[in-house]
């Protein structure tokens, strides 16, 4: 298993407030998918469980779009 550490760096712009900097950082975290990746690896899932979840997700997608 490979764990990759992603680092995001946000530097403050001239005249930018800390609230704006924090909002920009949170938006970067959302778009980079770090939280999604962390939540996916929060608990160990066996190969059978991942296959079952993948099938459920696929069925849900087919019901929604097909």
PDB file of N, CA and C in Angstrom:
ATOM      1  N   UNK A   1       0.845  -1.171   0.000  1.00  0.00           N
ATOM      2  CA  UNK A   1       0.000   0.000   0.000  1.00  0.00           C
ATOM      3  C   UNK A   1       0.890   1.234   0.000  1.00  0.00           C
ATOM      4  N   UNK A   2       0.552   2.162  -0.838  1.00  0.00           N
ATOM      5  CA  UNK A   2       1.344   3.385  -0.962  1.00  0.00           C
ATOM      6  C   UNK A   2       0.530   4.560  -0.438  1.00  0.00           C
ATOM      7  N   UNK A   3       1.102   5.288   0.483  1.00  0.00           N
ATOM      8  CA  UNK A   3       0.470   6.490   0.988  1.00  0.00           C
ATOM      9  C   UNK A   3       1.220   7.690   0.437  1.00  0.00           C
ATOM     10  N   UNK A   4       0.559   8.494  -0.299  1.00  0.00           N
ATOM     11  CA  UNK A   4       1.167   9.693  -0.873  1.00  0.00           C
ATOM     12  C   UNK A   4       0.700  10.901  -0.071  1.00  0.00           C
ATOM     13  N   UNK A   5       1.616  11.747   0.254  1.00  0.00           N
ATOM     14  CA  UNK A   5       1.282  12.948   1.003  1.00  0.00           C
ATOM     15  C   UNK A   5       1.235  14.113   0.033  1.00  0.00           C
ATOM     16  N   UNK A   6       0.078  14.719  -0.044  1.00  0.00           N
ATOM     17  CA  UNK A   6      -0.084  15.882  -0.905  1.00  0.00           C
ATOM     18  C   UNK A   6       0.071  17.126  -0.048  1.00  0.00           C
ATOM     19  N   UNK A   7       0.795  18.074  -0.555  1.00  0.00           N
ATOM     20  CA  UNK A   7       0.930  19.315   0.196  1.00  0.00           C
ATOM     21  C   UNK A   7       0.360  20.451  -0.638  1.00  0.00           C
ATOM     22  N   UNK A   8      -0.425  21.252   0.018  1.00  0.00           N
ATOM     23  CA  UNK A   8      -0.975  22.439  -0.611  1.00  0.00           C
ATOM     24  C   UNK A   8      -0.320  23.646   0.030  1.00  0.00           C
ATOM     25  N   UNK A   9       0.001  24.598  -0.773  1.00  0.00           N
ATOM     26  CA  UNK A   9       0.638  25.797  -0.253  1.00  0.00           C
ATOM     27  C   UNK A   9      -0.131  27.004  -0.769  1.00  0.00           C
ATOM     28  N   UNK A  10      -0.527  27.840   0.156  1.00  0.00           N
ATOM     29  CA  UNK A  10      -1.243  29.057  -0.186  1.00  0.00           C
ATOM     30  C   UNK A  10      -0.504  30.211   0.458  1.00  0.00           C
ATOM     31  N   UNK A  11      -0.108  31.157  -0.341  1.00  0.00           N
ATOM     32  CA  UNK A  11       0.578  32.329   0.216  1.00  0.00           C
ATOM     33  C   UNK A  11      -0.378  33.519   0.184  1.00  0.00           C
ATOM     34  N   UNK A  12      -0.228  34.364   1.162  1.00  0.00           N
ATOM     35  CA  UNK A  12      -1.127  35.509   1.288  1.00  0.00           C
ATOM     36  C   UNK A  12      -0.799  36.543   0.213  1.00  0.00           C
ATOM     37  N   UNK A  13      -1.830  37.062  -0.391  1.00  0.00           N
ATOM     38  CA  UNK A  13      -1.667  38.083  -1.414  1.00  0.00           C
ATOM     39  C   UNK A  13      -1.659  39.459  -0.750  1.00  0.00           C
ATOM     40  N   UNK A  14      -1.158  40.419  -1.470  1.00  0.00           N
ATOM     41  CA  UNK A  14      -1.078  41.768  -0.920  1.00  0.00           C
ATOM     42  C   UNK A  14      -2.480  42.320  -0.677  1.00  0.00           C
ATOM     43  N   UNK A  15      -2.719  42.747   0.549  1.00  0.00           N
ATOM     44  CA  UNK A  15      -4.017  43.318   0.893  1.00  0.00           C
ATOM     45  C   UNK A  15      -5.106  42.288   1.130  1.00  0.00           C
ATOM     46  N   UNK A  16      -4.774  41.008   1.201  1.00  0.00           N
ATOM     47  CA  UNK A  16      -5.773  39.954   1.374  1.00  0.00           C
ATOM     48  C   UNK A  16      -5.993  39.692   2.860  1.00  0.00           C
ATOM     49  N   UNK A  17      -7.241  39.528   3.230  1.00  0.00           N
ATOM     50  CA  UNK A  17      -7.539  39.256   4.641  1.00  0.00           C
ATOM     51  C   UNK A  17      -7.296  37.770   4.927  1.00  0.00           C
ATOM     52  N   UNK A  18      -7.173  37.454   6.207  1.00  0.00           N
ATOM     53  CA  UNK A  18      -6.946  36.062   6.598  1.00  0.00           C
ATOM     54  C   UNK A  18      -8.164  35.200   6.305  1.00  0.00           C
ATOM     55  N   UNK A  19      -9.360  35.787   6.407  1.00  0.00           N
ATOM     56  CA  UNK A  19     -10.578  35.035   6.100  1.00  0.00           C
ATOM     57  C   UNK A  19     -10.601  34.640   4.626  1.00  0.00           C
ATOM     58  N   UNK A  20     -10.188  35.561   3.772  1.00  0.00           N
ATOM     59  CA  UNK A  20     -10.138  35.290   2.340  1.00  0.00           C
ATOM     60  C   UNK A  20      -9.085  34.222   2.025  1.00  0.00           C
ATOM     61  N   UNK A  21      -7.961  34.304   2.716  1.00  0.00           N
ATOM     62  CA  UNK A  21      -6.904  33.304   2.545  1.00  0.00           C
ATOM     63  C   UNK A  21      -7.395  31.936   2.968  1.00  0.00           C
ATOM     64  N   UNK A  22      -8.107  31.862   4.083  1.00  0.00           N
ATOM     65  CA  UNK A  22      -8.646  30.595   4.561  1.00  0.00           C
ATOM     66  C   UNK A  22      -9.672  30.027   3.593  1.00  0.00           C
ATOM     67  N   UNK A  23     -10.546  30.897   3.058  1.00  0.00           N
ATOM     68  CA  UNK A  23     -11.541  30.454   2.074  1.00  0.00           C
ATOM     69  C   UNK A  23     -10.861  29.890   0.831  1.00  0.00           C
ATOM     70  N   UNK A  24      -9.808  30.561   0.383  1.00  0.00           N
ATOM     71  CA  UNK A  24      -9.074  30.106  -0.801  1.00  0.00           C
ATOM     72  C   UNK A  24      -8.413  28.757  -0.538  1.00  0.00           C
ATOM     73  N   UNK A  25      -7.860  28.579   0.658  1.00  0.00           N
ATOM     74  CA  UNK A  25      -7.238  27.308   1.021  1.00  0.00           C
ATOM     75  C   UNK A  25      -8.280  26.192   1.067  1.00  0.00           C
ATOM     76  N   UNK A  26      -9.424  26.458   1.678  1.00  0.00           N
ATOM     77  CA  UNK A  26     -10.479  25.449   1.761  1.00  0.00           C
ATOM     78  C   UNK A  26     -10.969  25.047   0.371  1.00  0.00           C
ATOM     79  N   UNK A  27     -11.049  26.015  -0.533  1.00  0.00           N
ATOM     80  CA  UNK A  27     -11.468  25.719  -1.902  1.00  0.00           C
ATOM     81  C   UNK A  27     -10.428  24.839  -2.598  1.00  0.00           C
ATOM     82  N   UNK A  28      -9.129  25.104  -2.352  1.00  0.00           N
ATOM     83  CA  UNK A  28      -8.075  24.268  -2.922  1.00  0.00           C
ATOM     84  C   UNK A  28      -8.156  22.841  -2.402  1.00  0.00           C
ATOM     85  N   UNK A  29      -8.438  22.691  -1.114  1.00  0.00           N
ATOM     86  CA  UNK A  29      -8.567  21.359  -0.520  1.00  0.00           C
ATOM     87  C   UNK A  29      -9.736  20.622  -1.160  1.00  0.00           C
ATOM     88  N   UNK A  30     -10.851  21.322  -1.360  1.00  0.00           N
ATOM     89  CA  UNK A  30     -12.022  20.698  -1.978  1.00  0.00           C
ATOM     90  C   UNK A  30     -11.725  20.247  -3.407  1.00  0.00           C
ATOM     91  N   UNK A  31     -11.116  21.120  -4.199  1.00  0.00           N
ATOM     92  CA  UNK A  31     -10.881  20.795  -5.603  1.00  0.00           C
ATOM     93  C   UNK A  31      -9.791  19.748  -5.792  1.00  0.00           C
ATOM     94  N   UNK A  32      -8.834  19.683  -4.861  1.00  0.00           N
ATOM     95  CA  UNK A  32      -7.753  18.705  -5.013  1.00  0.00           C
ATOM     96  C   UNK A  32      -8.202  17.292  -4.676  1.00  0.00           C
ATOM     97  N   UNK A  33      -9.286  17.149  -3.911  1.00  0.00           N
ATOM     98  CA  UNK A  33      -9.795  15.821  -3.582  1.00  0.00           C
ATOM     99  C   UNK A  33      -9.092  15.162  -2.416  1.00  0.00           C
ATOM    100  N   UNK A  34      -8.380  15.919  -1.615  1.00  0.00           N
ATOM    101  CA  UNK A  34      -7.659  15.354  -0.474  1.00  0.00           C
ATOM    102  C   UNK A  34      -8.627  14.755   0.531  1.00  0.00           C
ATOM    103  N   UNK A  35      -9.692  15.475   0.862  1.00  0.00           N
ATOM    104  CA  UNK A  35     -10.636  14.969   1.852  1.00  0.00           C
ATOM    105  C   UNK A  35     -11.323  13.696   1.367  1.00  0.00           C
ATOM    106  N   UNK A  36     -11.656  13.648   0.089  1.00  0.00           N
ATOM    107  CA  UNK A  36     -12.292  12.458  -0.469  1.00  0.00           C
ATOM    108  C   UNK A  36     -11.359  11.256  -0.344  1.00  0.00           C
ATOM    109  N   UNK A  37     -10.087  11.487  -0.633  1.00  0.00           N
ATOM    110  CA  UNK A  37      -9.088  10.422  -0.538  1.00  0.00           C
ATOM    111  C   UNK A  37      -8.917   9.945   0.904  1.00  0.00           C
ATOM    112  N   UNK A  38      -8.880  10.879   1.829  1.00  0.00           N
ATOM    113  CA  UNK A  38      -8.720  10.522   3.242  1.00  0.00           C
ATOM    114  C   UNK A  38      -9.922   9.732   3.729  1.00  0.00           C
ATOM    115  N   UNK A  39     -11.108  10.166   3.370  1.00  0.00           N
ATOM    116  CA  UNK A  39     -12.313   9.464   3.792  1.00  0.00           C
ATOM    117  C   UNK A  39     -12.386   8.071   3.185  1.00  0.00           C
ATOM    118  N   UNK A  40     -11.886   7.917   1.972  1.00  0.00           N
ATOM    119  CA  UNK A  40     -11.897   6.601   1.325  1.00  0.00           C
ATOM    120  C   UNK A  40     -10.956   5.632   2.021  1.00  0.00           C
ATOM    121  N   UNK A  41      -9.862   6.133   2.612  1.00  0.00           N
ATOM    122  CA  UNK A  41      -8.890   5.271   3.269  1.00  0.00           C
ATOM    123  C   UNK A  41      -9.030   5.274   4.785  1.00  0.00           C
ATOM    124  N   UNK A  42     -10.135   5.774   5.283  1.00  0.00           N
ATOM    125  CA  UNK A  42     -10.322   5.868   6.728  1.00  0.00           C
ATOM    126  C   UNK A  42     -10.383   4.485   7.374  1.00  0.00           C
ATOM    127  N   UNK A  43     -11.053   3.537   6.723  1.00  0.00           N
ATOM    128  CA  UNK A  43     -11.190   2.185   7.252  1.00  0.00           C
ATOM    129  C   UNK A  43     -10.687   1.204   6.204  1.00  0.00           C
ATOM    130  N   UNK A  44     -10.176   0.076   6.670  1.00  0.00           N
ATOM    131  CA  UNK A  44      -9.717  -0.944   5.746  1.00  0.00           C
ATOM    132  C   UNK A  44     -10.916  -1.636   5.134  1.00  0.00           C
ATOM    133  N   UNK A  45     -10.893  -1.803   3.816  1.00  0.00           N
ATOM    134  CA  UNK A  45     -11.939  -2.530   3.108  1.00  0.00           C
ATOM    135  C   UNK A  45     -11.294  -3.692   2.370  1.00  0.00           C
ATOM    136  N   UNK A  46     -11.896  -4.864   2.511  1.00  0.00           N
ATOM    137  CA  UNK A  46     -11.376  -6.021   1.797  1.00  0.00           C
ATOM    138  C   UNK A  46     -11.716  -5.887   0.313  1.00  0.00           C
ATOM    139  N   UNK A  47     -11.130  -6.742  -0.509  1.00  0.00           N
ATOM    140  CA  UNK A  47     -11.392  -6.687  -1.951  1.00  0.00           C
ATOM    141  C   UNK A  47     -12.856  -6.971  -2.247  1.00  0.00           C
ATOM    142  N   UNK A  48     -13.447  -7.892  -1.494  1.00  0.00           N
ATOM    143  CA  UNK A  48     -14.873  -8.198  -1.683  1.00  0.00           C
ATOM    144  C   UNK A  48     -15.757  -7.017  -1.357  1.00  0.00           C
ATOM    145  N   UNK A  49     -15.419  -6.328  -0.267  1.00  0.00           N
ATOM    146  CA  UNK A  49     -16.204  -5.153   0.120  1.00  0.00           C
ATOM    147  C   UNK A  49     -16.090  -4.039  -0.913  1.00  0.00           C
ATOM    148  N   UNK A  50     -14.879  -3.814  -1.410  1.00  0.00           N
ATOM    149  CA  UNK A  50     -14.712  -2.755  -2.412  1.00  0.00           C
ATOM    150  C   UNK A  50     -15.471  -3.097  -3.687  1.00  0.00           C
ATOM    151  N   UNK A  51     -15.477  -4.362  -4.070  1.00  0.00           N
ATOM    152  CA  UNK A  51     -16.220  -4.775  -5.260  1.00  0.00           C
ATOM    153  C   UNK A  51     -17.716  -4.589  -5.045  1.00  0.00           C
ATOM    154  N   UNK A  52     -18.210  -4.938  -3.862  1.00  0.00           N
ATOM    155  CA  UNK A  52     -19.630  -4.782  -3.552  1.00  0.00           C
ATOM    156  C   UNK A  52     -20.022  -3.307  -3.565  1.00  0.00           C
ATOM    157  N   UNK A  53     -19.201  -2.446  -2.967  1.00  0.00           N
ATOM    158  CA  UNK A  53     -19.496  -1.015  -2.963  1.00  0.00           C
ATOM    159  C   UNK A  53     -19.441  -0.424  -4.363  1.00  0.00           C
ATOM    160  N   UNK A  54     -18.486  -0.901  -5.166  1.00  0.00           N
ATOM    161  CA  UNK A  54     -18.371  -0.420  -6.543  1.00  0.00           C
ATOM    162  C   UNK A  54     -19.613  -0.806  -7.345  1.00  0.00           C
ATOM    163  N   UNK A  55     -20.120  -2.030  -7.127  1.00  0.00           N
ATOM    164  CA  UNK A  55     -21.320  -2.478  -7.827  1.00  0.00           C
ATOM    165  C   UNK A  55     -22.534  -1.662  -7.390  1.00  0.00           C
ATOM    166  N   UNK A  56     -22.630  -1.373  -6.100  1.00  0.00           N
ATOM    167  CA  UNK A  56     -23.740  -0.562  -5.609  1.00  0.00           C
ATOM    168  C   UNK A  56     -23.697   0.844  -6.201  1.00  0.00           C
ATOM    169  N   UNK A  57     -22.511   1.411  -6.246  1.00  0.00           N
ATOM    170  CA  UNK A  57     -22.356   2.753  -6.799  1.00  0.00           C
ATOM    171  C   UNK A  57     -22.716   2.769  -8.281  1.00  0.00           C
ATOM    172  N   UNK A  58     -22.307   1.729  -8.999  1.00  0.00           N
ATOM    173  CA  UNK A  58     -22.614   1.624 -10.420  1.00  0.00           C
ATOM    174  C   UNK A  58     -24.121   1.485 -10.636  1.00  0.00           C
ATOM    175  N   UNK A  59     -24.768   0.653  -9.813  1.00  0.00           N
ATOM    176  CA  UNK A  59     -26.216   0.471  -9.940  1.00  0.00           C
ATOM    177  C   UNK A  59     -26.948   1.769  -9.651  1.00  0.00           C
ATOM    178  N   UNK A  60     -26.499   2.497  -8.649  1.00  0.00           N
ATOM    179  CA  UNK A  60     -27.111   3.783  -8.313  1.00  0.00           C
ATOM    180  C   UNK A  60     -26.965   4.755  -9.478  1.00  0.00           C
ATOM    181  N   UNK A  61     -25.774   4.747 -10.091  1.00  0.00           N
ATOM    182  CA  UNK A  61     -25.531   5.646 -11.226  1.00  0.00           C
ATOM    183  C   UNK A  61     -26.407   5.262 -12.416  1.00  0.00           C
ATOM    184  N   UNK A  62     -26.568   3.948 -12.658  1.00  0.00           N
ATOM    185  CA  UNK A  62     -27.412   3.502 -13.772  1.00  0.00           C
ATOM    186  C   UNK A  62     -28.873   3.882 -13.543  1.00  0.00           C
ATOM    187  N   UNK A  63     -29.345   3.748 -12.295  1.00  0.00           N
ATOM    188  CA  UNK A  63     -30.734   4.132 -12.007  1.00  0.00           C
ATOM    189  C   UNK A  63     -30.938   5.627 -12.206  1.00  0.00           C
ATOM    190  N   UNK A  64     -29.930   6.404 -11.853  1.00  0.00           N
ATOM    191  CA  UNK A  64     -30.057   7.849 -11.943  1.00  0.00           C
ATOM    192  C   UNK A  64     -30.031   8.329 -13.389  1.00  0.00           C
ATOM    193  N   UNK A  65     -29.127   7.772 -14.210  1.00  0.00           N
ATOM    194  CA  UNK A  65     -28.927   8.287 -15.563  1.00  0.00           C
ATOM    195  C   UNK A  65     -29.477   7.387 -16.662  1.00  0.00           C
ATOM    196  N   UNK A  66     -29.836   6.184 -16.344  1.00  0.00           N
ATOM    197  CA  UNK A  66     -30.232   5.285 -17.423  1.00  0.00           C
ATOM    198  C   UNK A  66     -31.592   4.838 -17.297  1.00  0.00           C
TER     199      UNK A  66
END
